[in-house]
C-alpha atoms as a PDB file:
ATOM      1  CA  GLY A   1      -0.022  -0.006   0.779  1.00  0.00           C
ATOM      2  CA  PRO A   2       1.316   3.647  -0.045  1.00  0.00           C
ATOM      3  CA  GLY A   3       2.482   3.400   3.230  1.00  0.00           C
ATOM      4  CA  ALA A   4       4.635   0.398   3.149  1.00  0.00           C
ATOM      5  CA  GLU A   5       7.777   2.249   2.296  1.00  0.00           C
ATOM      6  CA  ALA A   6       7.999   4.660   5.004  1.00  0.00           C
ATOM      7  CA  TRP A   7       6.130   1.878   7.494  1.00  0.00           C
ATOM      8  CA  LEU A   8       9.284  -0.604   6.870  1.00  0.00           C
ATOM      9  CA  ASP A   9      11.355   1.635   7.148  1.00  0.00           C
ATOM     10  CA  GLY A  10      10.573   2.993  10.638  1.00  0.00           C
ATOM     11  CA  LEU A  11      10.904  -0.744  11.701  1.00  0.00           C
ATOM     12  CA  LEU A  12      13.785  -1.977   9.827  1.00  0.00           C
ATOM     13  CA  THR A  13      17.346  -1.381  10.136  1.00  0.00           C
ATOM     14  CA  ASN A  14      18.358  -1.784   6.196  1.00  0.00           C
ATOM     15  CA  ALA A  15      17.554   0.887   3.807  1.00  0.00           C
ATOM     16  CA  VAL A  16      14.150  -0.563   1.958  1.00  0.00           C
ATOM     17  CA  PRO A  17      14.656  -1.375  -1.076  1.00  0.00           C
ATOM     18  CA  LYS A  18      13.187   1.432  -3.069  1.00  0.00           C
ATOM     19  CA  LYS A  19      13.963  -0.195  -6.836  1.00  0.00           C
ATOM     20  CA  ILE A  20      11.459  -3.057  -7.804  1.00  0.00           C
ATOM     21  CA  GLY A  21      13.363  -6.158  -8.097  1.00  0.00           C
ATOM     22  CA  ARG A  22      15.705  -5.396  -5.632  1.00  0.00           C
ATOM     23  CA  VAL A  23      16.189  -7.238  -2.385  1.00  0.00           C
ATOM     24  CA  THR A  24      18.068  -6.466   0.780  1.00  0.00           C
ATOM     25  CA  LEU A  25      18.349  -8.424   3.853  1.00  0.00           C
ATOM     26  CA  SER A  26      17.719  -6.605   7.557  1.00  0.00           C
ATOM     27  CA  TYR A  27      16.447  -7.374  11.538  1.00  0.00           C
ATOM     28  CA  LEU A  28      13.529  -5.761  13.253  1.00  0.00           C
ATOM     29  CA  LEU A  29      15.179  -4.786  16.558  1.00  0.00           C
ATOM     30  CA  THR A  30      13.360  -4.570  20.349  1.00  0.00           C
ATOM     31  CA  LYS A  31      12.959  -1.579  22.233  1.00  0.00           C
ATOM     32  CA  GLY A  32      15.965  -2.287  24.417  1.00  0.00           C
ATOM     33  CA  GLY A  33      18.469  -3.070  20.537  1.00  0.00           C
ATOM     34  CA  GLY A  34      18.293  -6.690  20.878  1.00  0.00           C
ATOM     35  CA  VAL A  35      17.527  -8.695  17.062  1.00  0.00           C
ATOM     36  CA  ARG A  36      13.383  -9.402  17.052  1.00  0.00           C
ATOM     37  CA  ALA A  37      13.592 -11.144  14.362  1.00  0.00           C
ATOM     38  CA  GLU A  38      15.285 -11.207  10.350  1.00  0.00           C
ATOM     39  CA  PHE A  39      13.919 -10.242   7.213  1.00  0.00           C
ATOM     40  CA  THR A  40      14.568 -10.886   3.679  1.00  0.00           C
ATOM     41  CA  VAL A  41      12.673  -7.702   1.992  1.00  0.00           C
ATOM     42  CA  TYR A  42      11.889  -8.094  -1.369  1.00  0.00           C
ATOM     43  CA  LYS A  43      10.355  -5.026  -3.628  1.00  0.00           C
ATOM     44  CA  ASN A  44       7.837  -6.990  -5.547  1.00  0.00           C
ATOM     45  CA  GLY A  45       5.893  -4.348  -6.801  1.00  0.00           C
ATOM     46  CA  PRO A  46       5.205  -0.114  -7.009  1.00  0.00           C
ATOM     47  CA  GLN A  47       3.787  -0.285  -3.329  1.00  0.00           C
ATOM     48  CA  SER A  48       4.826  -3.822  -2.431  1.00  0.00           C
ATOM     49  CA  TYR A  49       7.331  -5.752  -0.458  1.00  0.00           C
ATOM     50  CA  TYR A  50       7.441  -9.401   0.003  1.00  0.00           C
ATOM     51  CA  LEU A  51       9.329  -9.980   3.555  1.00  0.00           C
ATOM     52  CA  VAL A  52      10.431 -13.758   4.218  1.00  0.00           C
ATOM     53  CA  SER A  53      11.858 -14.776   8.207  1.00  0.00           C
ATOM     54  CA  ALA A  54      12.468 -17.516   9.689  1.00  0.00           C
ATOM     55  CA  GLY A  55       9.380 -20.040   9.352  1.00  0.00           C
ATOM     56  CA  ALA A  56       9.863 -21.605  12.769  1.00  0.00           C
ATOM     57  CA  TYR A  57       8.657 -17.901  13.723  1.00  0.00           C
ATOM     58  CA  GLU A  58       6.118 -17.032  11.003  1.00  0.00           C
ATOM     59  CA  ARG A  59       2.799 -16.791  14.287  1.00  0.00           C
ATOM     60  CA  HIS A  60       5.921 -14.158  16.102  1.00  0.00           C
ATOM     61  CA  ASP A  61       6.945 -11.849  13.225  1.00  0.00           C
ATOM     62  CA  GLN A  62       3.318 -11.860  12.554  1.00  0.00           C
ATOM     63  CA  ASP A  63       2.114 -10.915  15.283  1.00  0.00           C
ATOM     64  CA  TYR A  64       4.628  -8.642  15.476  1.00  0.00           C
ATOM     65  CA  LEU A  65       4.125  -6.642  12.157  1.00  0.00           C
ATOM     66  CA  LEU A  66       0.116  -6.947  12.458  1.00  0.00           C
ATOM     67  CA  LYS A  67       0.314  -4.966  15.919  1.00  0.00           C
ATOM     68  CA  ALA A  68       2.551  -2.450  14.421  1.00  0.00           C
ATOM     69  CA  LEU A  69       0.193  -1.583  11.320  1.00  0.00           C
ATOM     70  CA  PRO A  70      -0.268   1.602  11.222  1.00  0.00           C
ATOM     71  CA  THR A  71      -3.847   2.826  11.817  1.00  0.00           C
ATOM     72  CA  ASP A  72      -4.970   4.600   8.856  1.00  0.00           C
ATOM     73  CA  GLY A  73      -5.284   2.187   6.674  1.00  0.00           C
ATOM     74  CA  SER A  74      -2.219   2.948   4.380  1.00  0.00           C
ATOM     75  CA  VAL A  75      -0.646  -0.313   4.805  1.00  0.00           C
ATOM     76  CA  PRO A  76      -2.710  -4.171   4.133  1.00  0.00           C
ATOM     77  CA  PHE A  77      -0.883  -6.725   5.601  1.00  0.00           C
ATOM     78  CA  GLU A  78      -1.512 -10.482   4.003  1.00  0.00           C
ATOM     79  CA  ARG A  79      -0.224 -13.562   5.081  1.00  0.00           C
ATOM     80  CA  LEU A  80       1.394 -15.332   2.104  1.00  0.00           C
ATOM     81  CA  THR A  81       2.741 -18.992   3.523  1.00  0.00           C
ATOM     82  CA  THR A  82       5.287 -20.380   0.536  1.00  0.00           C
ATOM     83  CA  GLN A  83       7.185 -22.989   0.409  1.00  0.00           C
ATOM     84  CA  VAL A  84      11.043 -22.361  -0.619  1.00  0.00           C
ATOM     85  CA  LEU A  85      13.997 -24.035  -2.705  1.00  0.00           C
ATOM     86  CA  VAL A  86      17.276 -22.742  -2.054  1.00  0.00           C
ATOM     87  CA  LEU A  87      19.392 -23.893  -5.468  1.00  0.00           C
ATOM     88  CA  ALA A  88      22.815 -23.384  -4.945  1.00  0.00           C
ATOM     89  CA  GLY A  89      26.207 -24.234  -5.471  1.00  0.00           C
ATOM     90  CA  PRO A  90      28.804 -23.433  -8.081  1.00  0.00           C
ATOM     91  CA  ARG A  91      26.823 -25.184 -10.922  1.00  0.00           C
ATOM     92  CA  ALA A  92      23.402 -23.414 -10.004  1.00  0.00           C
ATOM     93  CA  ARG A  93      23.104 -21.251 -12.764  1.00  0.00           C
ATOM     94  CA  ASP A  94      24.035 -24.049 -15.461  1.00  0.00           C
ATOM     95  CA  VAL A  95      20.664 -26.102 -13.793  1.00  0.00           C
ATOM     96  CA  LEU A  96      18.402 -23.488 -13.346  1.00  0.00           C
ATOM     97  CA  SER A  97      18.818 -22.441 -17.316  1.00  0.00           C
ATOM     98  CA  LYS A  98      17.892 -25.871 -18.298  1.00  0.00           C
ATOM     99  CA  VAL A  99      14.751 -25.192 -16.696  1.00  0.00           C
ATOM    100  CA  THR A 100      13.484 -21.257 -17.196  1.00  0.00           C
ATOM    101  CA  ARG A 101      13.681 -18.540 -20.618  1.00  0.00           C
ATOM    102  CA  ALA A 102      14.675 -16.429 -18.146  1.00  0.00           C
ATOM    103  CA  ASP A 103      18.313 -14.484 -18.484  1.00  0.00           C
ATOM    104  CA  LEU A 104      19.934 -15.295 -15.674  1.00  0.00           C
ATOM    105  CA  SER A 105      23.558 -13.612 -16.317  1.00  0.00           C
ATOM    106  CA  ASN A 106      25.227 -11.255 -13.587  1.00  0.00           C
ATOM    107  CA  GLU A 107      23.841  -8.833 -15.868  1.00  0.00           C
ATOM    108  CA  ALA A 108      20.625  -9.339 -16.019  1.00  0.00           C
ATOM    109  CA  PHE A 109      20.013 -11.274 -12.213  1.00  0.00           C
ATOM    110  CA  PRO A 110      22.424  -9.819 -10.385  1.00  0.00           C
ATOM    111  CA  TRP A 111      22.990 -10.497  -6.276  1.00  0.00           C
ATOM    112  CA  LEU A 112      20.243  -9.380  -4.027  1.00  0.00           C
ATOM    113  CA  THR A 113      17.122  -9.010  -7.065  1.00  0.00           C
ATOM    114  CA  GLY A 114      14.327 -10.987  -7.143  1.00  0.00           C
ATOM    115  CA  GLN A 115      11.963 -11.577 -10.801  1.00  0.00           C
ATOM    116  CA  ARG A 116       9.314 -13.576 -11.261  1.00  0.00           C
ATOM    117  CA  ILE A 117      10.022 -16.255 -13.668  1.00  0.00           C
ATOM    118  CA  SER A 118       8.996 -20.034 -14.807  1.00  0.00           C
ATOM    119  CA  ILE A 119      10.215 -22.943 -14.065  1.00  0.00           C
ATOM    120  CA  GLY A 120       8.777 -25.405 -16.701  1.00  0.00           C
ATOM    121  CA  ALA A 121       5.204 -24.442 -16.167  1.00  0.00           C
ATOM    122  CA  ALA A 122       5.067 -23.113 -12.744  1.00  0.00           C
ATOM    123  CA  PRO A 123       5.345 -19.847 -11.954  1.00  0.00           C
ATOM    124  CA  VAL A 124       7.725 -18.235  -9.028  1.00  0.00           C
ATOM    125  CA  ASP A 125       9.048 -16.079  -7.283  1.00  0.00           C
ATOM    126  CA  ALA A 126      13.220 -15.862  -7.687  1.00  0.00           C
ATOM    127  CA  LEU A 127      15.259 -14.315  -4.979  1.00  0.00           C
ATOM    128  CA  ARG A 128      19.374 -14.405  -6.274  1.00  0.00           C
ATOM    129  CA  VAL A 129      20.218 -14.737  -2.420  1.00  0.00           C
ATOM    130  CA  ASN A 130      21.230 -17.468  -0.648  1.00  0.00           C
ATOM    131  CA  PHE A 131      22.898 -17.896   2.561  1.00  0.00           C
ATOM    132  CA  ILE A 132      25.865 -20.785   1.769  1.00  0.00           C
ATOM    133  CA  GLY A 133      27.764 -18.192   0.189  1.00  0.00           C
ATOM    134  CA  GLU A 134      27.433 -19.925  -3.214  1.00  0.00           C
ATOM    135  CA  LEU A 135      25.858 -18.979  -6.141  1.00  0.00           C
ATOM    136  CA  GLY A 136      22.417 -19.893  -5.303  1.00  0.00           C
ATOM    137  CA  TRP A 137      18.940 -18.654  -5.546  1.00  0.00           C
ATOM    138  CA  GLU A 138      15.577 -19.034  -2.891  1.00  0.00           C
ATOM    139  CA  ILE A 139      13.015 -19.888  -5.086  1.00  0.00           C
ATOM    140  CA  HIS A 140       9.349 -19.353  -3.398  1.00  0.00           C
ATOM    141  CA  HIS A 141       6.346 -21.273  -4.912  1.00  0.00           C
ATOM    142  CA  PRO A 142       2.942 -22.456  -3.874  1.00  0.00           C
ATOM    143  CA  ILE A 143       3.197 -25.663  -1.784  1.00  0.00           C
ATOM    144  CA  GLU A 144       1.366 -27.454  -4.540  1.00  0.00           C
ATOM    145  CA  MET A 145       4.254 -26.465  -6.894  1.00  0.00           C
ATOM    146  CA  GLN A 146       7.005 -28.522  -5.026  1.00  0.00           C
ATOM    147  CA  ASN A 147       6.906 -31.784  -6.133  1.00  0.00           C
ATOM    148  CA  TYR A 148       7.053 -30.503  -9.808  1.00  0.00           C
ATOM    149  CA  ILE A 149       9.910 -27.870  -9.065  1.00  0.00           C
ATOM    150  CA  PHE A 150      12.177 -30.786  -7.053  1.00  0.00           C
ATOM    151  CA  ASP A 151      11.748 -33.053 -10.804  1.00  0.00           C
ATOM    152  CA  LYS A 152      12.806 -30.437 -12.543  1.00  0.00           C
ATOM    153  CA  LEU A 153      15.883 -29.803 -10.462  1.00  0.00           C
ATOM    154  CA  MET A 154      16.850 -33.103 -10.187  1.00  0.00           C
ATOM    155  CA  GLU A 155      16.231 -33.531 -13.700  1.00  0.00           C
ATOM    156  CA  ALA A 156      18.245 -30.715 -15.176  1.00  0.00           C
ATOM    157  CA  GLY A 157      21.093 -31.440 -12.126  1.00  0.00           C
ATOM    158  CA  ALA A 158      21.891 -35.155 -12.888  1.00  0.00           C
ATOM    159  CA  GLU A 159      24.573 -34.132 -15.612  1.00  0.00           C
ATOM    160  CA  PHE A 160      25.946 -32.111 -12.620  1.00  0.00           C
ATOM    161  CA  ASP A 161      25.569 -35.193  -9.840  1.00  0.00           C
ATOM    162  CA  ILE A 162      22.826 -32.389  -8.116  1.00  0.00           C
ATOM    163  CA  LYS A 163      22.251 -33.577  -4.565  1.00  0.00           C
ATOM    164  CA  PRO A 164      19.429 -32.517  -2.378  1.00  0.00           C
ATOM    165  CA  PHE A 165      20.892 -30.396   0.905  1.00  0.00           C
ATOM    166  CA  GLY A 166      18.699 -30.189   4.775  1.00  0.00           C
ATOM    167  CA  ILE A 167      18.889 -26.910   6.981  1.00  0.00           C
ATOM    168  CA  LYS A 168      21.120 -28.195   9.252  1.00  0.00           C
ATOM    169  CA  ALA A 169      23.735 -29.048   5.920  1.00  0.00           C
ATOM    170  CA  MET A 170      22.879 -25.461   5.079  1.00  0.00           C
ATOM    171  CA  THR A 171      24.274 -23.929   8.324  1.00  0.00           C
ATOM    172  CA  LEU A 172      27.435 -25.740   8.173  1.00  0.00           C
ATOM    173  CA  MET A 173      28.245 -24.200   4.725  1.00  0.00           C
ATOM    174  CA  ALA A 174      27.439 -20.993   6.010  1.00  0.00           C
ATOM    175  CA  LEU A 175      29.589 -21.568   8.832  1.00  0.00           C
ATOM    176  CA  GLU A 176      32.902 -22.481   6.560  1.00  0.00           C
ATOM    177  CA  LYS A 177      32.124 -19.580   5.037  1.00  0.00           C
ATOM    178  CA  SER A 178      31.835 -17.503   8.258  1.00  0.00           C
ATOM    179  CA  TYR A 179      28.289 -16.209   7.427  1.00  0.00           C
ATOM    180  CA  LYS A 180      27.017 -15.650  11.610  1.00  0.00           C
END
């Protein structure tokens, strides 16, 4: 809504993206300066932002954001629980390029940007961000498309010996890159 940018700027520690397609990482702090939540903030429209937080804290974060909404109605809030697949590693671009027509070059799809693309027949929001220190994308999609997208990526990555990994492996990879 029309008040979304100013509202988020007042809540979050990092500058809110001004350009459609930009992504930033930011914290929501407590009154004492502690970290209440961490968000990926994606500007996906003229007055629209898509916030991603840790799934385990979804209700906590939603509750806080709803209570902090301006009372003038300038910021509508919609909870969109989607699924996320992370495609990461030195061959991530090679794999993804086999299942989409989108231009995945650094020039067309730089770090900390997002785009609406298709993976086969599935429309997704692809965010060029991940937390393991390798080339990669977060692929946000409706749950009903998860198996289809997963199968497409695994098939496309077979020649590169693609392997699934979980959140614990992701945490270890982030530690190896000295990410906090």
